[in-house]
Amino acid sequence: MKRLSSLAVAVIATLVLLAGILLFLASPLSAKKTAEVHLPETQDRLPEHTGAAVPRELTQVEVTPETVQAVISTLNRPDSYSRTLQVFQFWDGGGRTAEVRVWVRSGAVRLNIVGAEREINYLLDGEVLTLWYGSDMSRRYTYNKADARLGDSLQRIPSYEDILSLDPASIRDAGCTCTEDGKWRILVAAVDPDFNYLDIYYVSLDTGLLVGAEQWDGDTLIYRMTAGEADLSAPSDQLFLLSS
């Protein structure tokens, strides 16, 4: 049997590494799982909200645990935007923080993620996923059969599908709340069916984007995401081009 060339070995190693990265990022609300599961004290962790109906100019439906999924299903994300996320994950004895810069244009997603260990970049365009580390775009790796819906997972955030696929019986609270600067948001709080964690989501009524999320294991916070203000102008074409 012929030996594999160095290039073939490198390609195989890259694909294995990429598969591992994708599997690790596929569950954005999954920090290190604890072996012992505790039912969260939901009443202590539920966020405050106004309990008011969504503003009349947006919808006539009051947001409740029974109606929240229907309300969110009517929202649409902007076709193009850019923003910055702060993602925090915590576990016993440690944690990590990442700044995620996001650019979206007509379905293509460009990400720059900076954490304590390394800087990683992604470009997801259709089913083609390209990744590279730091500013060295000459050494990049391409996966040609990526799921076009990976954009949220790569950002390390939950998605609309996560909220809309919730078992309605798991939703503990829902409502409409207004921030200090007058921004209306829908909140959803639900118990995770697998680990009994309490998952809290905040969705902007202005943009339809997820603007915040938390996950609690009892009274212990294990995940938090906060989003900066979204710029709804179209990002530059140059951000979605790969130099040779």
C-alpha atoms as a PDB file:
ATOM      1  CA  MET A   1       0.000   0.000   0.000  1.00  0.00           C
ATOM      2  CA  LYS A   2       1.366   3.410  -0.937  1.00  0.00           C
ATOM      3  CA  ARG A   3       2.091   5.874   1.824  1.00  0.00           C
ATOM      4  CA  LEU A   4      -0.086   8.957   2.049  1.00  0.00           C
ATOM      5  CA  SER A   5       1.686  12.114   0.919  1.00  0.00           C
ATOM      6  CA  SER A   6       2.296  14.926   3.407  1.00  0.00           C
ATOM      7  CA  LEU A   7      -0.326  17.026   1.629  1.00  0.00           C
ATOM      8  CA  ALA A   8      -2.944  14.256   1.912  1.00  0.00           C
ATOM      9  CA  VAL A   9      -2.194  13.824   5.592  1.00  0.00           C
ATOM     10  CA  ALA A  10      -2.547  17.577   6.117  1.00  0.00           C
ATOM     11  CA  VAL A  11      -5.876  17.654   4.275  1.00  0.00           C
ATOM     12  CA  ILE A  12      -7.256  14.754   6.319  1.00  0.00           C
ATOM     13  CA  ALA A  13      -6.077  16.355   9.554  1.00  0.00           C
ATOM     14  CA  THR A  14      -7.724  19.620   8.548  1.00  0.00           C
ATOM     15  CA  LEU A  15     -11.055  17.956   7.827  1.00  0.00           C
ATOM     16  CA  VAL A  16     -10.958  16.150  11.158  1.00  0.00           C
ATOM     17  CA  LEU A  17     -10.172  19.429  12.933  1.00  0.00           C
ATOM     18  CA  LEU A  18     -12.989  21.218  11.117  1.00  0.00           C
ATOM     19  CA  ALA A  19     -15.458  18.470  11.994  1.00  0.00           C
ATOM     20  CA  GLY A  20     -14.458  18.781  15.622  1.00  0.00           C
ATOM     21  CA  ILE A  21     -14.898  22.550  15.573  1.00  0.00           C
ATOM     22  CA  LEU A  22     -18.336  22.292  13.996  1.00  0.00           C
ATOM     23  CA  LEU A  23     -19.481  19.685  16.492  1.00  0.00           C
ATOM     24  CA  PHE A  24     -18.216  21.790  19.381  1.00  0.00           C
ATOM     25  CA  LEU A  25     -19.993  24.903  18.175  1.00  0.00           C
ATOM     26  CA  ALA A  26     -23.218  23.171  17.159  1.00  0.00           C
ATOM     27  CA  SER A  27     -24.816  23.738  20.566  1.00  0.00           C
ATOM     28  CA  PRO A  28     -24.355  27.423  21.401  1.00  0.00           C
ATOM     29  CA  LEU A  29     -25.970  27.221  24.832  1.00  0.00           C
ATOM     30  CA  SER A  30     -23.801  24.276  25.856  1.00  0.00           C
ATOM     31  CA  ALA A  31     -20.966  25.223  28.143  1.00  0.00           C
ATOM     32  CA  LYS A  32     -19.311  22.387  30.036  1.00  0.00           C
ATOM     33  CA  LYS A  33     -22.141  20.106  31.169  1.00  0.00           C
ATOM     34  CA  THR A  34     -22.178  19.147  34.810  1.00  0.00           C
ATOM     35  CA  ALA A  35     -22.701  15.506  35.642  1.00  0.00           C
ATOM     36  CA  GLU A  36     -25.345  16.275  38.253  1.00  0.00           C
ATOM     37  CA  VAL A  37     -28.463  17.991  36.912  1.00  0.00           C
ATOM     38  CA  HIS A  38     -30.506  20.295  39.128  1.00  0.00           C
ATOM     39  CA  LEU A  39     -33.965  21.592  38.296  1.00  0.00           C
ATOM     40  CA  PRO A  40     -33.538  25.383  38.080  1.00  0.00           C
ATOM     41  CA  GLU A  41     -35.340  27.634  40.517  1.00  0.00           C
ATOM     42  CA  THR A  42     -37.215  29.305  37.686  1.00  0.00           C
ATOM     43  CA  GLN A  43     -38.955  31.994  39.697  1.00  0.00           C
ATOM     44  CA  ASP A  44     -35.619  33.302  40.970  1.00  0.00           C
ATOM     45  CA  ARG A  45     -34.078  33.421  37.512  1.00  0.00           C
ATOM     46  CA  LEU A  46     -36.974  34.733  35.422  1.00  0.00           C
ATOM     47  CA  PRO A  47     -36.268  38.186  33.984  1.00  0.00           C
ATOM     48  CA  GLU A  48     -38.462  41.160  34.747  1.00  0.00           C
ATOM     49  CA  HIS A  49     -40.769  42.347  31.992  1.00  0.00           C
ATOM     50  CA  THR A  50     -43.619  44.756  31.575  1.00  0.00           C
ATOM     51  CA  GLY A  51     -46.345  42.228  30.876  1.00  0.00           C
ATOM     52  CA  ALA A  52     -47.676  44.763  28.374  1.00  0.00           C
ATOM     53  CA  ALA A  53     -48.903  44.023  24.902  1.00  0.00           C
ATOM     54  CA  VAL A  54     -46.506  44.496  22.028  1.00  0.00           C
ATOM     55  CA  PRO A  55     -46.746  48.056  20.617  1.00  0.00           C
ATOM     56  CA  ARG A  56     -49.790  48.481  18.378  1.00  0.00           C
ATOM     57  CA  GLU A  57     -47.758  49.426  15.316  1.00  0.00           C
ATOM     58  CA  LEU A  58     -45.958  46.080  15.464  1.00  0.00           C
ATOM     59  CA  THR A  59     -48.666  43.545  16.270  1.00  0.00           C
ATOM     60  CA  GLN A  60     -52.029  43.242  17.964  1.00  0.00           C
ATOM     61  CA  VAL A  61     -51.167  40.021  19.785  1.00  0.00           C
ATOM     62  CA  GLU A  62     -50.317  40.048  23.489  1.00  0.00           C
ATOM     63  CA  VAL A  63     -47.117  38.129  24.158  1.00  0.00           C
ATOM     64  CA  THR A  64     -47.740  35.219  26.532  1.00  0.00           C
ATOM     65  CA  PRO A  65     -46.253  31.724  26.885  1.00  0.00           C
ATOM     66  CA  GLU A  66     -49.101  30.505  24.668  1.00  0.00           C
ATOM     67  CA  THR A  67     -48.617  33.095  21.881  1.00  0.00           C
ATOM     68  CA  VAL A  68     -44.896  33.915  21.957  1.00  0.00           C
ATOM     69  CA  GLN A  69     -43.827  31.360  19.356  1.00  0.00           C
ATOM     70  CA  ALA A  70     -46.499  32.571  16.927  1.00  0.00           C
ATOM     71  CA  VAL A  71     -45.389  36.184  17.455  1.00  0.00           C
ATOM     72  CA  ILE A  72     -41.701  35.387  16.903  1.00  0.00           C
ATOM     73  CA  SER A  73     -42.533  33.393  13.760  1.00  0.00           C
ATOM     74  CA  THR A  74     -43.857  36.595  12.163  1.00  0.00           C
ATOM     75  CA  LEU A  75     -40.562  38.461  12.620  1.00  0.00           C
ATOM     76  CA  ASN A  76     -37.985  38.705   9.859  1.00  0.00           C
ATOM     77  CA  ARG A  77     -34.279  39.275  10.231  1.00  0.00           C
ATOM     78  CA  PRO A  78     -32.797  42.015   8.061  1.00  0.00           C
ATOM     79  CA  ASP A  79     -31.241  40.890   4.787  1.00  0.00           C
ATOM     80  CA  SER A  80     -28.019  42.726   5.602  1.00  0.00           C
ATOM     81  CA  TYR A  81     -26.531  43.978   8.859  1.00  0.00           C
ATOM     82  CA  SER A  82     -23.459  44.055  11.054  1.00  0.00           C
ATOM     83  CA  ARG A  83     -23.018  43.966  14.833  1.00  0.00           C
ATOM     84  CA  THR A  84     -20.765  42.768  17.655  1.00  0.00           C
ATOM     85  CA  LEU A  85     -21.624  40.113  20.242  1.00  0.00           C
ATOM     86  CA  GLN A  86     -20.084  39.360  23.622  1.00  0.00           C
ATOM     87  CA  VAL A  87     -20.357  35.666  24.487  1.00  0.00           C
ATOM     88  CA  PHE A  88     -19.549  34.357  27.973  1.00  0.00           C
ATOM     89  CA  GLN A  89     -19.402  30.700  29.044  1.00  0.00           C
ATOM     90  CA  PHE A  90     -18.790  29.628  32.635  1.00  0.00           C
ATOM     91  CA  TRP A  91     -18.058  26.361  34.423  1.00  0.00           C
ATOM     92  CA  ASP A  92     -16.683  25.236  37.771  1.00  0.00           C
ATOM     93  CA  GLY A  93     -13.316  26.887  38.231  1.00  0.00           C
ATOM     94  CA  GLY A  94     -13.232  28.780  34.968  1.00  0.00           C
ATOM     95  CA  GLY A  95     -14.866  30.247  31.908  1.00  0.00           C
ATOM     96  CA  ARG A  96     -14.185  31.953  28.611  1.00  0.00           C
ATOM     97  CA  THR A  97     -15.193  35.098  26.806  1.00  0.00           C
ATOM     98  CA  ALA A  98     -15.336  35.768  23.088  1.00  0.00           C
ATOM     99  CA  GLU A  99     -16.025  38.873  21.037  1.00  0.00           C
ATOM    100  CA  VAL A 100     -17.882  37.953  17.859  1.00  0.00           C
ATOM    101  CA  ARG A 101     -18.046  40.464  15.014  1.00  0.00           C
ATOM    102  CA  VAL A 102     -20.787  39.618  12.519  1.00  0.00           C
ATOM    103  CA  TRP A 103     -21.420  40.811   8.970  1.00  0.00           C
ATOM    104  CA  VAL A 104     -24.384  39.490   6.978  1.00  0.00           C
ATOM    105  CA  ARG A 105     -25.183  40.315   3.373  1.00  0.00           C
ATOM    106  CA  SER A 106     -27.876  38.556   1.322  1.00  0.00           C
ATOM    107  CA  GLY A 107     -27.480  35.280   3.193  1.00  0.00           C
ATOM    108  CA  ALA A 108     -23.665  35.225   3.309  1.00  0.00           C
ATOM    109  CA  VAL A 109     -22.171  35.412   6.813  1.00  0.00           C
ATOM    110  CA  ARG A 110     -18.686  36.669   7.723  1.00  0.00           C
ATOM    111  CA  LEU A 111     -17.491  36.216  11.311  1.00  0.00           C
ATOM    112  CA  ASN A 112     -14.450  37.304  13.263  1.00  0.00           C
ATOM    113  CA  ILE A 113     -14.181  35.661  16.691  1.00  0.00           C
ATOM    114  CA  VAL A 114     -11.548  36.774  19.177  1.00  0.00           C
ATOM    115  CA  GLY A 115     -11.077  34.856  22.411  1.00  0.00           C
ATOM    116  CA  ALA A 116      -8.326  34.333  24.940  1.00  0.00           C
ATOM    117  CA  GLU A 117      -6.703  31.541  22.948  1.00  0.00           C
ATOM    118  CA  ARG A 118      -6.908  32.524  19.282  1.00  0.00           C
ATOM    119  CA  GLU A 119      -8.611  34.562  16.576  1.00  0.00           C
ATOM    120  CA  ILE A 120     -10.688  32.635  14.059  1.00  0.00           C
ATOM    121  CA  ASN A 121     -12.540  33.817  10.960  1.00  0.00           C
ATOM    122  CA  TYR A 122     -15.410  32.205   9.074  1.00  0.00           C
ATOM    123  CA  LEU A 123     -17.060  32.910   5.769  1.00  0.00           C
ATOM    124  CA  LEU A 124     -20.268  30.966   5.176  1.00  0.00           C
ATOM    125  CA  ASP A 125     -21.721  31.445   1.705  1.00  0.00           C
ATOM    126  CA  GLY A 126     -24.424  28.948   0.822  1.00  0.00           C
ATOM    127  CA  GLU A 127     -22.986  25.494   1.515  1.00  0.00           C
ATOM    128  CA  VAL A 128     -19.350  26.632   1.362  1.00  0.00           C
ATOM    129  CA  LEU A 129     -17.657  27.292   4.701  1.00  0.00           C
ATOM    130  CA  THR A 130     -14.167  28.787   4.776  1.00  0.00           C
ATOM    131  CA  LEU A 131     -12.158  29.322   7.924  1.00  0.00           C
ATOM    132  CA  TRP A 132      -8.762  30.822   8.707  1.00  0.00           C
ATOM    133  CA  TYR A 133      -6.874  31.914  11.779  1.00  0.00           C
ATOM    134  CA  GLY A 134      -5.741  35.447  12.521  1.00  0.00           C
ATOM    135  CA  SER A 135      -5.029  37.598   9.482  1.00  0.00           C
ATOM    136  CA  ASP A 136      -3.337  34.873   7.421  1.00  0.00           C
ATOM    137  CA  MET A 137      -5.953  34.230   4.762  1.00  0.00           C
ATOM    138  CA  SER A 138      -3.442  32.372   2.589  1.00  0.00           C
ATOM    139  CA  ARG A 139      -3.727  29.340   4.896  1.00  0.00           C
ATOM    140  CA  ARG A 140      -7.433  28.711   4.886  1.00  0.00           C
ATOM    141  CA  TYR A 141      -9.599  25.622   4.992  1.00  0.00           C
ATOM    142  CA  THR A 142     -12.754  25.081   2.984  1.00  0.00           C
ATOM    143  CA  TYR A 143     -15.651  22.740   3.612  1.00  0.00           C
ATOM    144  CA  ASN A 144     -17.932  22.439   0.571  1.00  0.00           C
ATOM    145  CA  LYS A 145     -20.929  20.677   2.083  1.00  0.00           C
ATOM    146  CA  ALA A 146     -21.694  22.869   5.067  1.00  0.00           C
ATOM    147  CA  ASP A 147     -25.218  23.393   6.348  1.00  0.00           C
ATOM    148  CA  ALA A 148     -26.288  26.832   5.138  1.00  0.00           C
ATOM    149  CA  ARG A 149     -27.981  27.351   8.541  1.00  0.00           C
ATOM    150  CA  LEU A 150     -24.696  27.154  10.461  1.00  0.00           C
ATOM    151  CA  GLY A 151     -24.464  30.929  10.794  1.00  0.00           C
ATOM    152  CA  ASP A 152     -26.041  31.100  14.251  1.00  0.00           C
ATOM    153  CA  SER A 153     -24.124  28.148  15.662  1.00  0.00           C
ATOM    154  CA  LEU A 154     -20.805  29.567  14.488  1.00  0.00           C
ATOM    155  CA  GLN A 155     -21.682  32.786  16.313  1.00  0.00           C
ATOM    156  CA  ARG A 156     -22.173  30.655  19.457  1.00  0.00           C
ATOM    157  CA  ILE A 157     -25.773  31.775  19.821  1.00  0.00           C
ATOM    158  CA  PRO A 158     -29.140  30.010  19.707  1.00  0.00           C
ATOM    159  CA  SER A 159     -31.354  30.498  16.675  1.00  0.00           C
ATOM    160  CA  TYR A 160     -34.970  31.154  15.785  1.00  0.00           C
ATOM    161  CA  GLU A 161     -35.341  27.451  15.163  1.00  0.00           C
ATOM    162  CA  ASP A 162     -34.368  26.738  18.774  1.00  0.00           C
ATOM    163  CA  ILE A 163     -37.122  29.005  20.064  1.00  0.00           C
ATOM    164  CA  LEU A 164     -39.783  27.928  17.580  1.00  0.00           C
ATOM    165  CA  SER A 165     -39.083  24.234  18.190  1.00  0.00           C
ATOM    166  CA  LEU A 166     -39.549  24.522  21.959  1.00  0.00           C
ATOM    167  CA  ASP A 167     -42.209  22.325  23.480  1.00  0.00           C
ATOM    168  CA  PRO A 168     -44.838  24.908  24.519  1.00  0.00           C
ATOM    169  CA  ALA A 169     -45.120  23.115  27.859  1.00  0.00           C
ATOM    170  CA  SER A 170     -41.468  23.959  28.582  1.00  0.00           C
ATOM    171  CA  ILE A 171     -42.036  27.727  28.301  1.00  0.00           C
ATOM    172  CA  ARG A 172     -42.116  29.160  31.816  1.00  0.00           C
ATOM    173  CA  ASP A 173     -42.551  32.832  30.965  1.00  0.00           C
ATOM    174  CA  ALA A 174     -42.886  35.152  27.978  1.00  0.00           C
ATOM    175  CA  GLY A 175     -43.644  38.794  27.519  1.00  0.00           C
ATOM    176  CA  CYS A 176     -42.682  42.093  26.000  1.00  0.00           C
ATOM    177  CA  THR A 177     -40.198  44.418  27.686  1.00  0.00           C
ATOM    178  CA  CYS A 178     -38.686  47.799  26.886  1.00  0.00           C
ATOM    179  CA  THR A 179     -35.065  48.793  27.492  1.00  0.00           C
ATOM    180  CA  GLU A 180     -34.017  52.106  29.000  1.00  0.00           C
ATOM    181  CA  ASP A 181     -33.324  53.502  25.533  1.00  0.00           C
ATOM    182  CA  GLY A 182     -36.814  52.619  24.281  1.00  0.00           C
ATOM    183  CA  LYS A 183     -36.043  49.365  22.460  1.00  0.00           C
ATOM    184  CA  TRP A 184     -38.835  46.767  22.614  1.00  0.00           C
ATOM    185  CA  ARG A 185     -37.893  43.118  23.015  1.00  0.00           C
ATOM    186  CA  ILE A 186     -39.708  39.811  23.313  1.00  0.00           C
ATOM    187  CA  LEU A 187     -38.446  37.546  26.067  1.00  0.00           C
ATOM    188  CA  VAL A 188     -38.877  33.798  26.329  1.00  0.00           C
ATOM    189  CA  ALA A 189     -37.848  31.680  29.321  1.00  0.00           C
ATOM    190  CA  ALA A 190     -37.980  27.899  28.952  1.00  0.00           C
ATOM    191  CA  VAL A 191     -36.629  24.820  30.706  1.00  0.00           C
ATOM    192  CA  ASP A 192     -34.198  22.788  28.616  1.00  0.00           C
ATOM    193  CA  PRO A 193     -35.717  19.297  28.187  1.00  0.00           C
ATOM    194  CA  ASP A 194     -32.369  17.482  28.259  1.00  0.00           C
ATOM    195  CA  PHE A 195     -30.513  19.151  31.124  1.00  0.00           C
ATOM    196  CA  ASN A 196     -33.266  21.062  32.966  1.00  0.00           C
ATOM    197  CA  TYR A 197     -31.351  24.301  32.484  1.00  0.00           C
ATOM    198  CA  LEU A 198     -33.331  27.518  32.282  1.00  0.00           C
ATOM    199  CA  ASP A 199     -32.821  29.164  28.872  1.00  0.00           C
ATOM    200  CA  ILE A 200     -33.733  32.830  28.455  1.00  0.00           C
ATOM    201  CA  TYR A 201     -33.946  34.523  25.059  1.00  0.00           C
ATOM    202  CA  TYR A 202     -34.415  38.177  24.091  1.00  0.00           C
ATOM    203  CA  VAL A 203     -35.529  39.000  20.529  1.00  0.00           C
ATOM    204  CA  SER A 204     -35.590  42.569  19.196  1.00  0.00           C
ATOM    205  CA  LEU A 205     -38.913  43.789  17.834  1.00  0.00           C
ATOM    206  CA  ASP A 206     -37.071  46.449  15.826  1.00  0.00           C
ATOM    207  CA  THR A 207     -34.793  44.102  13.898  1.00  0.00           C
ATOM    208  CA  GLY A 208     -36.056  40.568  14.572  1.00  0.00           C
ATOM    209  CA  LEU A 209     -32.554  39.633  15.765  1.00  0.00           C
ATOM    210  CA  LEU A 210     -31.700  37.753  18.917  1.00  0.00           C
ATOM    211  CA  VAL A 211     -30.150  40.446  21.144  1.00  0.00           C
ATOM    212  CA  GLY A 212     -29.519  38.533  24.352  1.00  0.00           C
ATOM    213  CA  ALA A 213     -29.539  35.046  25.842  1.00  0.00           C
ATOM    214  CA  GLU A 214     -28.735  33.359  29.142  1.00  0.00           C
ATOM    215  CA  GLN A 215     -28.595  29.836  30.481  1.00  0.00           C
ATOM    216  CA  TRP A 216     -28.852  28.986  34.166  1.00  0.00           C
ATOM    217  CA  ASP A 217     -28.116  25.766  36.031  1.00  0.00           C
ATOM    218  CA  GLY A 218     -30.174  26.407  39.143  1.00  0.00           C
ATOM    219  CA  ASP A 219     -28.788  29.672  40.510  1.00  0.00           C
ATOM    220  CA  THR A 220     -25.544  29.371  38.520  1.00  0.00           C
ATOM    221  CA  LEU A 221     -25.148  31.328  35.275  1.00  0.00           C
ATOM    222  CA  ILE A 222     -23.333  29.195  32.695  1.00  0.00           C
ATOM    223  CA  TYR A 223     -23.906  31.147  29.453  1.00  0.00           C
ATOM    224  CA  ARG A 224     -24.627  34.738  28.495  1.00  0.00           C
ATOM    225  CA  MET A 225     -24.730  36.574  25.178  1.00  0.00           C
ATOM    226  CA  THR A 226     -25.222  40.310  24.737  1.00  0.00           C
ATOM    227  CA  ALA A 227     -25.452  42.058  21.377  1.00  0.00           C
ATOM    228  CA  GLY A 228     -24.432  45.569  20.465  1.00  0.00           C
ATOM    229  CA  GLU A 229     -26.597  47.833  18.321  1.00  0.00           C
ATOM    230  CA  ALA A 230     -27.072  46.436  14.812  1.00  0.00           C
ATOM    231  CA  ASP A 231     -26.068  48.515  11.800  1.00  0.00           C
ATOM    232  CA  LEU A 232     -28.645  47.694   9.125  1.00  0.00           C
ATOM    233  CA  SER A 233     -26.657  49.102   6.212  1.00  0.00           C
ATOM    234  CA  ALA A 234     -25.164  46.562   3.805  1.00  0.00           C
ATOM    235  CA  PRO A 235     -21.579  45.589   4.700  1.00  0.00           C
ATOM    236  CA  SER A 236     -18.862  46.081   2.089  1.00  0.00           C
ATOM    237  CA  ASP A 237     -18.537  43.450  -0.644  1.00  0.00           C
ATOM    238  CA  GLN A 238     -14.836  43.194   0.244  1.00  0.00           C
ATOM    239  CA  LEU A 239     -15.708  41.450   3.512  1.00  0.00           C
ATOM    240  CA  PHE A 240     -17.073  38.485   1.570  1.00  0.00           C
ATOM    241  CA  LEU A 241     -14.207  38.088  -0.866  1.00  0.00           C
ATOM    242  CA  LEU A 242     -11.272  35.723  -0.321  1.00  0.00           C
ATOM    243  CA  SER A 243      -7.914  37.011  -1.474  1.00  0.00           C
ATOM    244  CA  SER A 244      -5.681  34.557  -3.290  1.00  0.00           C
END
